[in-house]
Amino acid sequence: MKYSCPLGKAMAALGSKWKPIIVLVIKDRKLRFGELAVRINVISRKVLTDQLREMQTDGLVIREEFKELPPRVEYSLTEKGLALLPILYQLEEWETKYHVYDPEQEKNCKMILEGRQAQKTIF
C-alpha cells in the first residue's frame, strides 16, 4: 500500500509486531538467521523470513550472503534501521512508565533484547 504522508510510510514499514522486535534484537551487530530465530523463539521461521524480506525491501536491514559451505547469511541494520533504535527505546520507556508488568514476563523480555538466550520468551 502506498502512503503519501511520512507517518503512514513509517507505520507501513513497521506495521507488524515482529519488525520492531527484530530491530531491537539485531541492534548494532550482525546476526545470522539461526541466531535471530533462537533469540526470538516465539516467531516461526517462515514469519521471520517474511519479515526480514520486507524489512530488506523497506531499507531497514542488510542481508549479507556468504558463498561458503554451508551457506551463511548475516543480517544487520542499515542507517535507517539504526535510527529507529532511540525511538523504540522511547516506546519501551513509555510502556514502562504507564503499565505494570508481570516481573517474570519483564525478565524474559529484557533477556531477549539484551542478546541473552531466554529459556522462555513471551511477547
Protein backbone atom coordinates (compact mmCIF):
# COMPACT_ATOMS: atom_id res chain seq x y z
CA MET A 1 0.00 0.00 0.00
CA LYS A 2 1.30 3.46 -0.91
CA TYR A 3 1.19 6.30 1.58
CA SER A 4 1.88 9.95 0.90
CA CYS A 5 2.42 11.13 4.48
CA PRO A 6 5.60 10.32 6.45
CA LEU A 7 3.77 8.71 9.39
CA GLY A 8 1.84 6.41 7.07
CA LYS A 9 5.07 5.31 5.39
CA ALA A 10 6.77 4.74 8.75
CA MET A 11 3.88 2.69 10.12
CA ALA A 12 3.76 0.62 6.93
CA ALA A 13 7.47 -0.19 7.32
CA LEU A 14 6.98 -1.20 10.98
CA GLY A 15 3.41 -2.43 10.64
CA SER A 16 3.84 -5.80 12.33
CA LYS A 17 4.52 -6.70 15.92
CA TRP A 18 7.71 -8.50 14.87
CA LYS A 19 9.62 -5.81 12.99
CA PRO A 20 10.33 -3.56 16.00
CA ILE A 21 11.37 -6.64 17.99
CA ILE A 22 13.70 -7.74 15.18
CA VAL A 23 15.25 -4.25 15.09
CA LEU A 24 15.81 -4.32 18.87
CA VAL A 25 17.34 -7.80 18.75
CA ILE A 26 19.76 -7.02 15.89
CA LYS A 27 20.81 -3.61 17.31
CA ASP A 28 24.28 -2.63 16.09
CA ARG A 29 25.59 -6.11 15.37
CA LYS A 30 25.41 -8.75 12.66
CA LEU A 31 23.31 -11.82 13.40
CA ARG A 32 22.77 -14.99 11.44
CA PHE A 33 19.25 -16.18 10.72
CA GLY A 34 19.54 -19.03 13.22
CA GLU A 35 20.69 -16.64 15.95
CA LEU A 36 17.66 -14.43 15.33
CA ALA A 37 15.36 -17.47 15.38
CA VAL A 38 16.79 -18.58 18.75
CA ARG A 39 16.62 -15.11 20.30
CA ILE A 40 13.00 -14.62 19.17
CA ASN A 41 11.89 -18.19 19.73
CA VAL A 42 8.16 -17.45 19.60
CA ILE A 43 8.25 -16.46 15.91
CA SER A 44 8.08 -19.15 13.25
CA ARG A 45 10.96 -19.38 10.80
CA LYS A 46 8.61 -18.63 7.91
CA VAL A 47 7.28 -15.45 9.53
CA LEU A 48 10.83 -14.40 10.46
CA THR A 49 11.94 -14.94 6.85
CA ASP A 50 8.98 -12.94 5.51
CA GLN A 51 9.55 -10.09 7.98
CA LEU A 52 13.27 -9.90 7.16
CA ARG A 53 12.50 -9.79 3.42
CA GLU A 54 10.01 -6.95 3.94
CA MET A 55 12.50 -5.10 6.15
CA GLN A 56 15.17 -5.50 3.47
CA THR A 57 12.77 -4.10 0.85
CA ASP A 58 11.95 -1.17 3.17
CA GLY A 59 15.65 -0.41 3.65
CA LEU A 60 15.79 -1.37 7.34
CA VAL A 61 18.10 -4.40 7.18
CA ILE A 62 21.02 -5.56 5.09
CA ARG A 63 21.17 -9.22 4.12
CA GLU A 64 24.75 -10.28 3.52
CA GLU A 65 25.19 -13.66 1.84
CA PHE A 66 28.50 -15.52 2.02
CA LYS A 67 29.38 -18.07 -0.65
CA GLU A 68 30.57 -20.78 1.70
CA LEU A 69 29.70 -24.34 2.53
CA PRO A 70 27.47 -24.44 4.44
CA PRO A 71 25.92 -21.19 3.18
CA ARG A 72 25.94 -18.33 5.67
CA VAL A 73 23.70 -15.25 5.76
CA GLU A 74 24.05 -12.37 8.21
CA TYR A 75 21.59 -9.57 8.92
CA SER A 76 22.42 -6.10 10.18
CA LEU A 77 20.57 -2.80 10.38
CA THR A 78 21.00 -0.09 7.79
CA GLU A 79 21.47 3.53 8.83
CA LYS A 80 17.68 3.88 8.56
CA GLY A 81 17.20 0.83 10.81
CA LEU A 82 19.73 2.06 13.36
CA ALA A 83 17.90 5.40 13.52
CA LEU A 84 14.85 3.52 14.82
CA LEU A 85 16.64 2.31 17.96
CA PRO A 86 16.24 5.53 20.01
CA ILE A 87 12.56 5.71 19.00
CA LEU A 88 11.94 2.11 20.05
CA TYR A 89 13.79 2.68 23.33
CA GLN A 90 11.48 5.66 23.98
CA LEU A 91 8.46 3.42 23.33
CA GLU A 92 9.83 0.95 25.88
CA GLU A 93 10.22 3.77 28.42
CA TRP A 94 6.67 4.97 27.71
CA GLU A 95 5.29 1.46 28.26
CA THR A 96 7.31 1.04 31.45
CA LYS A 97 6.05 4.35 32.82
CA TYR A 98 2.36 3.73 32.21
CA HIS A 99 1.88 -0.02 32.60
CA VAL A 100 2.59 -2.56 35.31
CA TYR A 101 4.40 -5.70 34.18
CA ASP A 102 4.43 -9.25 35.40
CA PRO A 103 8.03 -9.50 36.78
CA GLU A 104 8.66 -12.85 35.05
CA GLN A 105 7.49 -11.52 31.69
CA GLU A 106 9.63 -8.40 32.06
CA LYS A 107 12.69 -10.51 32.91
CA ASN A 108 12.23 -12.69 29.81
CA CYS A 109 11.76 -9.68 27.54
CA LYS A 110 14.91 -7.97 28.87
CA MET A 111 16.95 -11.13 28.39
CA ILE A 112 15.94 -11.32 24.73
CA LEU A 113 16.54 -7.65 24.00
CA GLU A 114 19.92 -7.70 25.73
CA GLY A 115 21.00 -10.53 23.44
CA ARG A 116 20.93 -13.34 26.00
CA GLN A 117 19.08 -16.55 25.36
CA ALA A 118 15.95 -16.90 27.44
CA GLN A 119 14.53 -20.25 28.43
CA LYS A 120 11.03 -19.00 27.72
CA THR A 121 10.32 -15.82 25.79
CA ILE A 122 6.99 -14.02 25.93
CA PHE A 123 5.99 -11.10 23.74
